[in-house]
N, C-alpha and C. Protein backbone atom coordinates (compact mmCIF):
# COMPACT_ATOMS: atom_id res chain seq x y z
N MET A 1 74.18 98.30 97.97
CA MET A 1 75.67 97.92 98.23
C MET A 1 76.70 99.00 98.56
N ASN A 2 76.94 99.64 99.24
CA ASN A 2 77.50 100.69 99.14
C ASN A 2 79.29 100.14 99.06
N LYS A 3 79.41 99.66 97.89
CA LYS A 3 80.68 99.06 97.55
C LYS A 3 81.71 100.10 97.88
N GLU A 4 82.06 101.03 97.74
CA GLU A 4 83.07 101.92 97.90
C GLU A 4 83.43 101.81 99.69
N PHE A 5 82.62 102.01 100.49
CA PHE A 5 82.81 101.58 101.77
C PHE A 5 83.15 100.37 102.33
N ILE A 6 82.56 99.32 101.34
CA ILE A 6 83.14 97.84 102.10
C ILE A 6 84.25 97.89 101.36
N LEU A 7 84.82 97.98 100.37
CA LEU A 7 86.28 97.99 99.91
C LEU A 7 87.23 98.61 100.58
N PHE A 8 86.79 100.15 101.13
CA PHE A 8 87.79 100.93 101.99
C PHE A 8 87.92 99.81 103.32
N ASN A 9 86.90 99.30 103.87
CA ASN A 9 87.01 98.58 105.14
C ASN A 9 88.10 97.18 104.86
N LEU A 10 87.66 96.60 103.85
CA LEU A 10 88.23 95.55 103.55
C LEU A 10 89.93 95.69 103.11
N LYS A 11 90.20 96.55 102.69
CA LYS A 11 91.41 96.59 102.27
C LYS A 11 91.93 97.29 103.79
N GLU A 12 91.47 98.08 104.64
CA GLU A 12 92.04 98.40 105.66
C GLU A 12 92.34 97.07 106.81
N ALA A 13 91.44 96.41 106.87
CA ALA A 13 91.08 94.93 107.17
C ALA A 13 92.59 93.98 106.70
N LYS A 14 92.56 94.17 105.49
CA LYS A 14 93.72 93.41 104.65
C LYS A 14 94.87 93.78 105.28
N GLU A 15 94.95 94.88 105.34
CA GLU A 15 96.31 95.60 105.80
C GLU A 15 96.49 95.42 107.24
N SER A 16 95.56 95.45 107.81
CA SER A 16 95.70 94.98 109.27
C SER A 16 96.27 93.40 109.71
N ILE A 17 95.38 92.66 108.77
CA ILE A 17 96.02 91.29 108.75
C ILE A 17 97.52 91.17 108.68
N GLU A 18 97.82 91.89 107.65
CA GLU A 18 99.23 91.89 107.06
C GLU A 18 100.22 92.22 108.20
N ASN A 19 99.84 93.31 108.75
CA ASN A 19 100.96 94.01 109.58
C ASN A 19 100.63 92.65 110.93
N ILE A 20 99.75 92.39 111.37
CA ILE A 20 99.95 91.74 112.70
C ILE A 20 100.46 90.21 112.61
N ILE A 21 100.57 89.89 110.85
CA ILE A 21 101.26 88.56 110.78
C ILE A 21 102.69 88.93 110.74
N GLN A 22 102.79 90.08 110.26
CA GLN A 22 104.49 90.73 110.21
C GLN A 22 104.82 91.02 111.35
N TYR A 23 104.30 91.36 112.40
CA TYR A 23 104.72 91.73 113.50
C TYR A 23 104.88 90.62 114.32
N ILE A 24 103.72 89.72 114.38
CA ILE A 24 104.32 87.79 115.12
C ILE A 24 105.15 87.66 114.58
N GLU A 25 105.53 87.45 112.89
CA GLU A 25 106.71 86.49 112.73
C GLU A 25 107.99 87.39 113.04
N ASN A 26 108.05 88.91 113.30
CA ASN A 26 109.16 89.56 113.48
C ASN A 26 109.68 89.83 114.74
N GLN A 27 108.89 90.15 115.71
CA GLN A 27 109.02 90.50 116.77
C GLN A 27 108.70 89.63 117.95
N GLU A 28 110.27 89.06 118.32
CA GLU A 28 110.04 88.09 119.40
C GLU A 28 108.93 88.39 120.94
N ASP A 29 108.96 89.43 120.98
CA ASP A 29 108.25 90.25 122.12
C ASP A 29 106.43 90.76 121.96
N TYR A 30 106.50 90.20 120.86
CA TYR A 30 105.09 90.74 120.25
C TYR A 30 104.04 89.89 121.18
N CYS A 31 102.96 90.33 121.71
CA CYS A 31 102.22 89.35 122.70
C CYS A 31 100.98 90.09 122.98
N ASP A 32 100.15 89.36 123.67
CA ASP A 32 98.81 90.17 124.04
C ASP A 32 99.19 90.85 125.36
N ASP A 33 100.21 90.40 126.15
CA ASP A 33 100.47 90.84 127.64
C ASP A 33 100.63 92.63 127.79
N ASP A 34 101.05 93.12 126.15
CA ASP A 34 101.55 94.45 126.28
C ASP A 34 100.43 95.41 125.52
N GLY A 35 99.31 94.45 125.09
CA GLY A 35 98.17 95.32 124.48
C GLY A 35 98.21 95.51 123.05
N TYR A 36 99.50 95.39 122.36
CA TYR A 36 99.38 95.39 120.95
C TYR A 36 98.58 94.52 120.04
N TYR A 37 98.56 93.16 120.79
CA TYR A 37 97.70 92.07 119.96
C TYR A 37 96.04 92.65 120.31
N ILE A 38 95.93 93.05 121.28
CA ILE A 38 94.21 93.01 121.35
C ILE A 38 94.00 94.62 120.71
N VAL A 39 94.57 95.43 120.65
CA VAL A 39 94.58 97.03 119.91
C VAL A 39 94.52 96.51 118.16
N ASP A 40 95.28 95.66 117.84
CA ASP A 40 95.03 95.58 116.42
C ASP A 40 94.18 94.52 116.33
N MET A 41 93.60 93.60 117.15
CA MET A 41 92.73 92.66 116.80
C MET A 41 91.65 93.62 116.66
N GLN A 42 91.00 94.67 117.46
CA GLN A 42 90.20 95.29 118.05
C GLN A 42 90.02 96.41 116.28
N HIS A 43 90.98 96.84 115.88
CA HIS A 43 91.09 97.70 114.59
C HIS A 43 90.73 96.75 113.25
N LEU A 44 91.44 95.50 113.44
CA LEU A 44 90.91 94.31 112.49
C LEU A 44 89.18 93.95 112.51
N TYR A 45 88.56 93.80 113.64
CA TYR A 45 87.19 93.73 113.64
C TYR A 45 86.37 94.97 113.44
N TRP A 46 87.25 96.05 113.85
CA TRP A 46 86.03 97.12 113.81
C TRP A 46 85.88 97.02 112.07
N HIS A 47 87.19 96.95 111.54
CA HIS A 47 87.20 96.93 109.44
C HIS A 47 85.94 95.65 109.17
N ILE A 48 86.06 94.73 109.61
CA ILE A 48 85.57 93.55 109.12
C ILE A 48 84.31 93.67 109.60
N ASN A 49 83.60 94.00 110.74
CA ASN A 49 82.17 94.46 111.20
C ASN A 49 81.79 95.52 110.44
N THR A 50 82.27 96.79 110.13
CA THR A 50 81.94 97.79 109.58
C THR A 50 81.74 97.17 108.33
N ALA A 51 82.52 96.75 107.76
CA ALA A 51 82.39 96.42 106.29
C ALA A 51 80.96 95.30 106.04
N TRP A 52 80.67 94.88 106.71
CA TRP A 52 79.48 93.63 107.08
C TRP A 52 78.23 94.76 107.56
N ASN A 53 78.46 95.87 108.33
CA ASN A 53 77.29 96.12 108.98
C ASN A 53 76.92 97.32 108.40
N ALA A 54 77.43 97.95 107.63
CA ALA A 54 76.97 99.13 106.92
C ALA A 54 77.29 99.13 105.45
N ARG A 55 77.15 97.57 104.90
CA ARG A 55 77.24 97.76 103.54
C ARG A 55 75.85 97.86 102.54
N ASN A 56 74.87 98.17 103.21
CA ASN A 56 73.72 99.00 102.87
C ASN A 56 73.34 100.41 102.92
N SER A 57 74.54 101.11 103.70
CA SER A 57 74.84 102.35 104.16
C SER A 57 74.64 103.43 102.74
N SER A 58 74.28 104.71 103.18
CA SER A 58 74.03 105.30 102.01
C SER A 58 75.68 106.12 101.93
N PRO A 59 76.14 106.66 100.43
CA PRO A 59 77.32 106.89 100.66
C PRO A 59 77.51 108.25 101.93
N LYS A 60 76.32 108.99 101.88
CA LYS A 60 76.14 110.20 102.62
C LYS A 60 76.63 109.82 104.08
N ASP A 61 76.09 108.69 104.91
CA ASP A 61 76.13 108.11 105.94
C ASP A 61 77.17 107.67 106.43
N SER A 62 78.07 106.93 105.17
CA SER A 62 79.38 106.43 105.72
C SER A 62 80.25 107.42 105.53
N GLU A 63 79.91 108.62 104.77
CA GLU A 63 81.32 109.87 104.67
C GLU A 63 81.07 110.41 106.15
N GLU A 64 79.85 110.23 106.83
CA GLU A 64 79.53 111.31 107.75
C GLU A 64 80.05 110.47 109.20
N CYS A 65 79.62 109.15 108.97
CA CYS A 65 79.95 108.17 110.26
C CYS A 65 79.68 108.52 111.40
N THR A 66 78.59 108.92 111.82
CA THR A 66 78.06 110.02 112.70
C THR A 66 78.54 108.64 114.22
N GLU A 67 78.53 109.04 115.47
CA GLU A 67 78.85 108.22 116.60
C GLU A 67 78.10 107.00 116.79
N GLU A 68 76.56 107.47 116.37
CA GLU A 68 75.55 106.22 116.59
C GLU A 68 75.97 105.23 115.56
N ASN A 69 76.07 105.65 114.18
CA ASN A 69 76.51 104.62 113.17
C ASN A 69 77.93 103.92 113.46
N CYS A 70 78.79 104.40 113.98
CA CYS A 70 80.06 104.01 114.23
C CYS A 70 79.99 102.93 115.42
N GLU A 71 79.12 103.29 116.15
CA GLU A 71 78.89 102.21 117.26
C GLU A 71 77.98 101.04 116.57
N LYS A 72 76.73 101.16 116.03
CA LYS A 72 75.96 100.55 115.56
C LYS A 72 76.87 99.17 114.42
N TRP A 73 77.82 99.93 113.70
CA TRP A 73 78.36 98.95 112.53
C TRP A 73 79.68 98.48 113.28
N ASN A 74 79.97 98.78 114.13
CA ASN A 74 81.33 98.48 114.85
C ASN A 74 80.78 96.75 115.90
N GLU A 75 79.73 96.75 116.24
CA GLU A 75 79.07 95.39 116.52
C GLU A 75 79.57 94.16 115.92
N PHE A 76 79.51 93.15 116.60
CA PHE A 76 79.78 92.07 115.62
C PHE A 76 78.11 91.78 115.10
N PRO A 77 78.22 91.27 113.86
CA PRO A 77 77.07 91.28 113.20
C PRO A 77 76.09 90.26 113.53
N SER A 78 74.68 90.52 114.05
CA SER A 78 73.76 89.94 114.39
C SER A 78 72.89 89.05 113.12
N ASP A 79 73.23 89.61 111.99
CA ASP A 79 72.53 88.66 111.28
C ASP A 79 73.23 88.05 110.41
N LEU A 80 74.56 87.43 110.59
CA LEU A 80 75.29 86.90 109.67
C LEU A 80 75.63 85.41 110.56
N ILE A 81 75.03 84.57 109.73
CA ILE A 81 74.85 83.18 110.01
C ILE A 81 76.03 82.34 110.13
N MET A 82 76.48 81.87 110.86
CA MET A 82 78.29 81.06 111.04
C MET A 82 77.92 79.75 110.77
N ASN A 83 78.26 79.02 109.40
CA ASN A 83 78.34 77.58 109.56
C ASN A 83 79.55 77.26 109.59
N TYR A 84 79.56 76.33 110.61
CA TYR A 84 81.15 75.39 111.02
C TYR A 84 81.02 74.45 110.47
């Protein structure tokens, strides 16, 4: 498990969530019509998906973060079973 890379991405996701909440609470005009919400959520999911999909990456792979790995890690997890 690549704990450093996981922690980096989870901390980035946490910061993103805090920022989104703050903006929504404080900006009357914050909405998805202007694209900010969409971009913010894409950024959030990028870090969450990467934290999961790259959890077993090597430190070298996570540091280099090739375009191929970046695309693969950004995808919604196909091996995460969602129980509701």
